[in-house]
């Protein structure tokens, strides 16, 4: 029986560091998993709304002056 001065005391004295690391990793894992689930859910919820059609994109490109009127008309007919 060496008390707290032997190797047993050393392990007990710094054993809290091990548990602190374990708890920290567990918290990190929970935060990481919940943030991924939240992001995934928001990606799926936006899939039906606020989605631009190819014609909408074409109209915006024409409005910004990226394409000419003839290019716009040709592309619109193809769509």
PDB file of N, CA and C in Angstrom:
ATOM      1  N   UNK A   1       0.842  -1.178   0.000  1.00  0.00           N
ATOM      2  CA  UNK A   1       0.000   0.000   0.000  1.00  0.00           C
ATOM      3  C   UNK A   1       0.877   1.227   0.000  1.00  0.00           C
ATOM      4  N   UNK A   2       1.026   1.780  -1.139  1.00  0.00           N
ATOM      5  CA  UNK A   2       1.868   2.955  -1.279  1.00  0.00           C
ATOM      6  C   UNK A   2       1.092   4.246  -1.113  1.00  0.00           C
ATOM      7  N   UNK A   3      -0.184   4.190  -1.023  1.00  0.00           N
ATOM      8  CA  UNK A   3      -0.965   5.409  -0.866  1.00  0.00           C
ATOM      9  C   UNK A   3      -1.036   6.160  -2.187  1.00  0.00           C
ATOM     10  N   UNK A   4      -1.018   7.463  -2.094  1.00  0.00           N
ATOM     11  CA  UNK A   4      -1.118   8.294  -3.297  1.00  0.00           C
ATOM     12  C   UNK A   4       0.239   8.661  -3.877  1.00  0.00           C
ATOM     13  N   UNK A   5       1.320   8.224  -3.276  1.00  0.00           N
ATOM     14  CA  UNK A   5       2.646   8.593  -3.744  1.00  0.00           C
ATOM     15  C   UNK A   5       3.196   7.688  -4.813  1.00  0.00           C
ATOM     16  N   UNK A   6       2.667   6.476  -4.968  1.00  0.00           N
ATOM     17  CA  UNK A   6       3.201   5.520  -5.934  1.00  0.00           C
ATOM     18  C   UNK A   6       2.639   5.728  -7.328  1.00  0.00           C
ATOM     19  N   UNK A   7       2.828   4.727  -8.179  1.00  0.00           N
ATOM     20  CA  UNK A   7       2.361   4.823  -9.559  1.00  0.00           C
ATOM     21  C   UNK A   7       0.841   4.913  -9.630  1.00  0.00           C
ATOM     22  N   UNK A   8       0.157   4.304  -8.655  1.00  0.00           N
ATOM     23  CA  UNK A   8      -1.295   4.390  -8.623  1.00  0.00           C
ATOM     24  C   UNK A   8      -1.730   5.839  -8.425  1.00  0.00           C
ATOM     25  N   UNK A   9      -1.021   6.543  -7.601  1.00  0.00           N
ATOM     26  CA  UNK A   9      -1.340   7.951  -7.362  1.00  0.00           C
ATOM     27  C   UNK A   9      -1.144   8.793  -8.605  1.00  0.00           C
ATOM     28  N   UNK A  10      -0.120   8.490  -9.363  1.00  0.00           N
ATOM     29  CA  UNK A  10       0.130   9.244 -10.595  1.00  0.00           C
ATOM     30  C   UNK A  10      -1.016   9.053 -11.578  1.00  0.00           C
ATOM     31  N   UNK A  11      -1.470   7.813 -11.717  1.00  0.00           N
ATOM     32  CA  UNK A  11      -2.576   7.523 -12.637  1.00  0.00           C
ATOM     33  C   UNK A  11      -3.857   8.191 -12.200  1.00  0.00           C
ATOM     34  N   UNK A  12      -4.110   8.194 -10.934  1.00  0.00           N
ATOM     35  CA  UNK A  12      -5.330   8.819 -10.437  1.00  0.00           C
ATOM     36  C   UNK A  12      -5.224  10.330 -10.505  1.00  0.00           C
ATOM     37  N   UNK A  13      -4.037  10.829 -10.357  1.00  0.00           N
ATOM     38  CA  UNK A  13      -3.865  12.280 -10.393  1.00  0.00           C
ATOM     39  C   UNK A  13      -4.084  12.861 -11.777  1.00  0.00           C
ATOM     40  N   UNK A  14      -3.692  12.113 -12.804  1.00  0.00           N
ATOM     41  CA  UNK A  14      -3.840  12.618 -14.165  1.00  0.00           C
ATOM     42  C   UNK A  14      -4.914  11.872 -14.954  1.00  0.00           C
ATOM     43  N   UNK A  15      -5.661  11.007 -14.289  1.00  0.00           N
ATOM     44  CA  UNK A  15      -6.735  10.266 -14.941  1.00  0.00           C
ATOM     45  C   UNK A  15      -7.850  11.168 -15.440  1.00  0.00           C
ATOM     46  N   UNK A  16      -8.028  12.317 -14.819  1.00  0.00           N
ATOM     47  CA  UNK A  16      -9.071  13.251 -15.238  1.00  0.00           C
ATOM     48  C   UNK A  16      -8.807  13.795 -16.632  1.00  0.00           C
ATOM     49  N   UNK A  17      -7.539  13.848 -17.055  1.00  0.00           N
ATOM     50  CA  UNK A  17      -7.211  14.326 -18.399  1.00  0.00           C
ATOM     51  C   UNK A  17      -7.782  13.376 -19.446  1.00  0.00           C
ATOM     52  N   UNK A  18      -7.656  12.063 -19.191  1.00  0.00           N
ATOM     53  CA  UNK A  18      -8.213  11.075 -20.103  1.00  0.00           C
ATOM     54  C   UNK A  18      -9.718  11.288 -20.264  1.00  0.00           C
ATOM     55  N   UNK A  19     -10.419  11.435 -19.147  1.00  0.00           N
ATOM     56  CA  UNK A  19     -11.870  11.612 -19.217  1.00  0.00           C
ATOM     57  C   UNK A  19     -12.248  12.951 -19.834  1.00  0.00           C
ATOM     58  N   UNK A  20     -11.449  13.959 -19.634  1.00  0.00           N
ATOM     59  CA  UNK A  20     -11.692  15.253 -20.265  1.00  0.00           C
ATOM     60  C   UNK A  20     -11.587  15.132 -21.781  1.00  0.00           C
ATOM     61  N   UNK A  21     -10.590  14.396 -22.256  1.00  0.00           N
ATOM     62  CA  UNK A  21     -10.429  14.163 -23.695  1.00  0.00           C
ATOM     63  C   UNK A  21     -11.603  13.354 -24.235  1.00  0.00           C
ATOM     64  N   UNK A  22     -12.008  12.308 -23.519  1.00  0.00           N
ATOM     65  CA  UNK A  22     -13.131  11.470 -23.958  1.00  0.00           C
ATOM     66  C   UNK A  22     -14.408  12.306 -24.061  1.00  0.00           C
ATOM     67  N   UNK A  23     -14.686  13.106 -23.065  1.00  0.00           N
ATOM     68  CA  UNK A  23     -15.882  13.957 -23.079  1.00  0.00           C
ATOM     69  C   UNK A  23     -15.789  14.985 -24.201  1.00  0.00           C
ATOM     70  N   UNK A  24     -14.611  15.559 -24.411  1.00  0.00           N
ATOM     71  CA  UNK A  24     -14.423  16.532 -25.490  1.00  0.00           C
ATOM     72  C   UNK A  24     -14.671  15.923 -26.861  1.00  0.00           C
ATOM     73  N   UNK A  25     -14.171  14.718 -27.078  1.00  0.00           N
ATOM     74  CA  UNK A  25     -14.385  14.030 -28.359  1.00  0.00           C
ATOM     75  C   UNK A  25     -15.865  13.717 -28.545  1.00  0.00           C
ATOM     76  N   UNK A  26     -16.527  13.299 -27.480  1.00  0.00           N
ATOM     77  CA  UNK A  26     -17.959  12.999 -27.569  1.00  0.00           C
ATOM     78  C   UNK A  26     -18.759  14.248 -27.920  1.00  0.00           C
ATOM     79  N   UNK A  27     -18.457  15.365 -27.293  1.00  0.00           N
ATOM     80  CA  UNK A  27     -19.145  16.626 -27.599  1.00  0.00           C
ATOM     81  C   UNK A  27     -18.874  17.039 -29.029  1.00  0.00           C
ATOM     82  N   UNK A  28     -17.623  16.928 -29.464  1.00  0.00           N
ATOM     83  CA  UNK A  28     -17.272  17.272 -30.843  1.00  0.00           C
ATOM     84  C   UNK A  28     -18.056  16.418 -31.831  1.00  0.00           C
ATOM     85  N   UNK A  29     -18.166  15.111 -31.554  1.00  0.00           N
ATOM     86  CA  UNK A  29     -18.874  14.198 -32.453  1.00  0.00           C
ATOM     87  C   UNK A  29     -20.358  14.555 -32.533  1.00  0.00           C
ATOM     88  N   UNK A  30     -20.957  14.868 -31.403  1.00  0.00           N
ATOM     89  CA  UNK A  30     -22.382  15.235 -31.394  1.00  0.00           C
ATOM     90  C   UNK A  30     -22.601  16.520 -32.189  1.00  0.00           C
ATOM     91  N   UNK A  31     -21.767  17.509 -31.979  1.00  0.00           N
ATOM     92  CA  UNK A  31     -21.901  18.780 -32.707  1.00  0.00           C
ATOM     93  C   UNK A  31     -21.711  18.560 -34.197  1.00  0.00           C
ATOM     94  N   UNK A  32     -20.724  17.786 -34.553  1.00  0.00           N
ATOM     95  CA  UNK A  32     -20.459  17.522 -35.974  1.00  0.00           C
ATOM     96  C   UNK A  32     -21.623  16.795 -36.640  1.00  0.00           C
ATOM     97  N   UNK A  33     -22.161  15.784 -35.983  1.00  0.00           N
ATOM     98  CA  UNK A  33     -23.276  15.029 -36.549  1.00  0.00           C
ATOM     99  C   UNK A  33     -24.531  15.877 -36.666  1.00  0.00           C
ATOM    100  N   UNK A  34     -24.822  16.687 -35.662  1.00  0.00           N
ATOM    101  CA  UNK A  34     -26.038  17.510 -35.726  1.00  0.00           C
ATOM    102  C   UNK A  34     -25.901  18.612 -36.761  1.00  0.00           C
ATOM    103  N   UNK A  35     -24.717  19.172 -36.935  1.00  0.00           N
ATOM    104  CA  UNK A  35     -24.560  20.224 -37.944  1.00  0.00           C
ATOM    105  C   UNK A  35     -24.675  19.642 -39.346  1.00  0.00           C
ATOM    106  N   UNK A  36     -24.199  18.413 -39.568  1.00  0.00           N
ATOM    107  CA  UNK A  36     -24.341  17.773 -40.875  1.00  0.00           C
ATOM    108  C   UNK A  36     -25.797  17.450 -41.152  1.00  0.00           C
ATOM    109  N   UNK A  37     -26.527  16.982 -40.156  1.00  0.00           N
ATOM    110  CA  UNK A  37     -27.937  16.681 -40.349  1.00  0.00           C
ATOM    111  C   UNK A  37     -28.733  17.935 -40.637  1.00  0.00           C
ATOM    112  N   UNK A  38     -28.415  19.028 -39.975  1.00  0.00           N
ATOM    113  CA  UNK A  38     -29.110  20.287 -40.214  1.00  0.00           C
ATOM    114  C   UNK A  38     -28.837  20.772 -41.624  1.00  0.00           C
ATOM    115  N   UNK A  39     -27.597  20.682 -42.066  1.00  0.00           N
ATOM    116  CA  UNK A  39     -27.248  21.126 -43.408  1.00  0.00           C
ATOM    117  C   UNK A  39     -27.918  20.238 -44.453  1.00  0.00           C
ATOM    118  N   UNK A  40     -27.953  18.954 -44.226  1.00  0.00           N
ATOM    119  CA  UNK A  40     -28.580  18.032 -45.166  1.00  0.00           C
ATOM    120  C   UNK A  40     -30.067  18.304 -45.251  1.00  0.00           C
ATOM    121  N   UNK A  41     -30.709  18.524 -44.125  1.00  0.00           N
ATOM    122  CA  UNK A  41     -32.135  18.811 -44.133  1.00  0.00           C
ATOM    123  C   UNK A  41     -32.425  20.100 -44.875  1.00  0.00           C
ATOM    124  N   UNK A  42     -31.609  21.126 -44.692  1.00  0.00           N
ATOM    125  CA  UNK A  42     -31.858  22.386 -45.372  1.00  0.00           C
ATOM    126  C   UNK A  42     -31.645  22.245 -46.873  1.00  0.00           C
ATOM    127  N   UNK A  43     -30.708  21.391 -47.290  1.00  0.00           N
ATOM    128  CA  UNK A  43     -30.501  21.152 -48.715  1.00  0.00           C
ATOM    129  C   UNK A  43     -31.730  20.498 -49.327  1.00  0.00           C
ATOM    130  N   UNK A  44     -32.322  19.536 -48.624  1.00  0.00           N
ATOM    131  CA  UNK A  44     -33.504  18.853 -49.139  1.00  0.00           C
ATOM    132  C   UNK A  44     -34.720  19.763 -49.119  1.00  0.00           C
ATOM    133  N   UNK A  45     -34.854  20.604 -48.118  1.00  0.00           N
ATOM    134  CA  UNK A  45     -36.030  21.459 -48.023  1.00  0.00           C
ATOM    135  C   UNK A  45     -36.020  22.534 -49.099  1.00  0.00           C
ATOM    136  N   UNK A  46     -34.849  22.945 -49.563  1.00  0.00           N
ATOM    137  CA  UNK A  46     -34.772  23.967 -50.597  1.00  0.00           C
ATOM    138  C   UNK A  46     -34.889  23.393 -51.998  1.00  0.00           C
ATOM    139  N   UNK A  47     -34.946  22.074 -52.112  1.00  0.00           N
ATOM    140  CA  UNK A  47     -34.917  21.463 -53.433  1.00  0.00           C
ATOM    141  C   UNK A  47     -36.138  21.843 -54.268  1.00  0.00           C
ATOM    142  N   UNK A  48     -37.270  22.088 -53.654  1.00  0.00           N
ATOM    143  CA  UNK A  48     -38.467  22.431 -54.409  1.00  0.00           C
ATOM    144  C   UNK A  48     -38.680  23.919 -54.556  1.00  0.00           C
ATOM    145  N   UNK A  49     -38.118  24.710 -53.674  1.00  0.00           N
ATOM    146  CA  UNK A  49     -38.333  26.148 -53.673  1.00  0.00           C
ATOM    147  C   UNK A  49     -37.077  26.872 -54.159  1.00  0.00           C
ATOM    148  N   UNK A  50     -37.292  28.071 -54.628  1.00  0.00           N
ATOM    149  CA  UNK A  50     -36.190  28.954 -55.020  1.00  0.00           C
ATOM    150  C   UNK A  50     -35.248  28.318 -56.031  1.00  0.00           C
ATOM    151  N   UNK A  51     -35.750  27.413 -56.796  1.00  0.00           N
ATOM    152  CA  UNK A  51     -34.916  26.775 -57.796  1.00  0.00           C
ATOM    153  C   UNK A  51     -35.114  27.497 -59.115  1.00  0.00           C
ATOM    154  N   UNK A  52     -34.032  27.917 -59.706  1.00  0.00           N
ATOM    155  CA  UNK A  52     -34.115  28.627 -60.972  1.00  0.00           C
ATOM    156  C   UNK A  52     -34.212  27.637 -62.126  1.00  0.00           C
ATOM    157  N   UNK A  53     -35.081  27.949 -63.044  1.00  0.00           N
ATOM    158  CA  UNK A  53     -35.178  27.138 -64.248  1.00  0.00           C
ATOM    159  C   UNK A  53     -34.111  27.613 -65.221  1.00  0.00           C
ATOM    160  N   UNK A  54     -33.787  26.809 -66.204  1.00  0.00           N
ATOM    161  CA  UNK A  54     -32.822  27.257 -67.207  1.00  0.00           C
ATOM    162  C   UNK A  54     -33.266  28.547 -67.909  1.00  0.00           C
ATOM    163  N   UNK A  55     -34.571  28.693 -68.103  1.00  0.00           N
ATOM    164  CA  UNK A  55     -35.076  29.919 -68.738  1.00  0.00           C
ATOM    165  C   UNK A  55     -34.845  31.131 -67.838  1.00  0.00           C
ATOM    166  N   UNK A  56     -35.016  30.969 -66.529  1.00  0.00           N
ATOM    167  CA  UNK A  56     -34.741  32.064 -65.592  1.00  0.00           C
ATOM    168  C   UNK A  56     -33.277  32.493 -65.665  1.00  0.00           C
ATOM    169  N   UNK A  57     -32.394  31.519 -65.718  1.00  0.00           N
ATOM    170  CA  UNK A  57     -30.960  31.815 -65.803  1.00  0.00           C
ATOM    171  C   UNK A  57     -30.654  32.533 -67.107  1.00  0.00           C
ATOM    172  N   UNK A  58     -31.267  32.065 -68.189  1.00  0.00           N
ATOM    173  CA  UNK A  58     -31.052  32.695 -69.491  1.00  0.00           C
ATOM    174  C   UNK A  58     -31.533  34.141 -69.478  1.00  0.00           C
ATOM    175  N   UNK A  59     -32.687  34.388 -68.879  1.00  0.00           N
ATOM    176  CA  UNK A  59     -33.214  35.757 -68.786  1.00  0.00           C
ATOM    177  C   UNK A  59     -32.272  36.655 -67.995  1.00  0.00           C
ATOM    178  N   UNK A  60     -31.730  36.140 -66.909  1.00  0.00           N
ATOM    179  CA  UNK A  60     -30.800  36.943 -66.104  1.00  0.00           C
ATOM    180  C   UNK A  60     -29.522  37.250 -66.874  1.00  0.00           C
ATOM    181  N   UNK A  61     -29.020  36.266 -67.612  1.00  0.00           N
ATOM    182  CA  UNK A  61     -27.806  36.498 -68.411  1.00  0.00           C
ATOM    183  C   UNK A  61     -28.062  37.576 -69.458  1.00  0.00           C
ATOM    184  N   UNK A  62     -29.237  37.538 -70.073  1.00  0.00           N
ATOM    185  CA  UNK A  62     -29.581  38.548 -71.079  1.00  0.00           C
ATOM    186  C   UNK A  62     -29.729  39.921 -70.418  1.00  0.00           C
ATOM    187  N   UNK A  63     -30.353  39.954 -69.252  1.00  0.00           N
ATOM    188  CA  UNK A  63     -30.544  41.219 -68.543  1.00  0.00           C
ATOM    189  C   UNK A  63     -29.209  41.817 -68.108  1.00  0.00           C
ATOM    190  N   UNK A  64     -28.239  40.994 -67.776  1.00  0.00           N
ATOM    191  CA  UNK A  64     -26.922  41.504 -67.375  1.00  0.00           C
ATOM    192  C   UNK A  64     -26.062  41.890 -68.564  1.00  0.00           C
ATOM    193  N   UNK A  65     -26.518  41.547 -69.760  1.00  0.00           N
ATOM    194  CA  UNK A  65     -25.751  41.884 -70.950  1.00  0.00           C
ATOM    195  C   UNK A  65     -24.676  40.875 -71.292  1.00  0.00           C
ATOM    196  N   UNK A  66     -24.754  39.687 -70.736  1.00  0.00           N
ATOM    197  CA  UNK A  66     -23.760  38.656 -71.012  1.00  0.00           C
ATOM    198  C   UNK A  66     -23.949  38.057 -72.399  1.00  0.00           C
ATOM    199  N   UNK A  67     -25.166  38.068 -72.880  1.00  0.00           N
ATOM    200  CA  UNK A  67     -25.457  37.520 -74.213  1.00  0.00           C
ATOM    201  C   UNK A  67     -26.272  38.543 -74.999  1.00  0.00           C
ATOM    202  N   UNK A  68     -26.204  38.433 -76.315  1.00  0.00           N
ATOM    203  CA  UNK A  68     -26.957  39.352 -77.178  1.00  0.00           C
ATOM    204  C   UNK A  68     -28.390  38.869 -77.323  1.00  0.00           C
ATOM    205  N   UNK A  69     -29.204  39.710 -77.983  1.00  0.00           N
ATOM    206  CA  UNK A  69     -30.610  39.358 -78.180  1.00  0.00           C
ATOM    207  C   UNK A  69     -30.749  38.134 -79.079  1.00  0.00           C
ATOM    208  N   UNK A  70     -29.937  38.062 -80.125  1.00  0.00           N
ATOM    209  CA  UNK A  70     -30.027  36.892 -81.014  1.00  0.00           C
ATOM    210  C   UNK A  70     -29.591  35.617 -80.288  1.00  0.00           C
ATOM    211  N   UNK A  71     -28.532  35.703 -79.472  1.00  0.00           N
ATOM    212  CA  UNK A  71     -28.111  34.542 -78.694  1.00  0.00           C
ATOM    213  C   UNK A  71     -29.214  34.109 -77.728  1.00  0.00           C
ATOM    214  N   UNK A  72     -29.851  35.107 -77.104  1.00  0.00           N
ATOM    215  CA  UNK A  72     -30.943  34.826 -76.179  1.00  0.00           C
ATOM    216  C   UNK A  72     -32.080  34.096 -76.885  1.00  0.00           C
ATOM    217  N   UNK A  73     -32.478  34.614 -78.044  1.00  0.00           N
ATOM    218  CA  UNK A  73     -33.590  34.009 -78.784  1.00  0.00           C
ATOM    219  C   UNK A  73     -33.250  32.575 -79.220  1.00  0.00           C
ATOM    220  N   UNK A  74     -32.027  32.373 -79.689  1.00  0.00           N
ATOM    221  CA  UNK A  74     -31.619  31.022 -80.118  1.00  0.00           C
ATOM    222  C   UNK A  74     -31.628  30.030 -78.947  1.00  0.00           C
ATOM    223  N   UNK A  75     -31.082  30.475 -77.841  1.00  0.00           N
ATOM    224  CA  UNK A  75     -31.034  29.592 -76.676  1.00  0.00           C
ATOM    225  C   UNK A  75     -32.425  29.335 -76.119  1.00  0.00           C
ATOM    226  N   UNK A  76     -33.279  30.361 -76.134  1.00  0.00           N
ATOM    227  CA  UNK A  76     -34.641  30.203 -75.644  1.00  0.00           C
ATOM    228  C   UNK A  76     -35.409  29.185 -76.477  1.00  0.00           C
ATOM    229  N   UNK A  77     -35.214  29.215 -77.786  1.00  0.00           N
ATOM    230  CA  UNK A  77     -35.891  28.257 -78.673  1.00  0.00           C
ATOM    231  C   UNK A  77     -35.417  26.831 -78.402  1.00  0.00           C
ATOM    232  N   UNK A  78     -34.139  26.675 -78.076  1.00  0.00           N
ATOM    233  CA  UNK A  78     -33.605  25.346 -77.796  1.00  0.00           C
ATOM    234  C   UNK A  78     -34.137  24.786 -76.482  1.00  0.00           C
ATOM    235  N   UNK A  79     -34.408  25.707 -75.560  1.00  0.00           N
ATOM    236  CA  UNK A  79     -34.924  25.248 -74.258  1.00  0.00           C
ATOM    237  C   UNK A  79     -36.377  24.884 -74.410  1.00  0.00           C
TER     238      UNK A  79
END
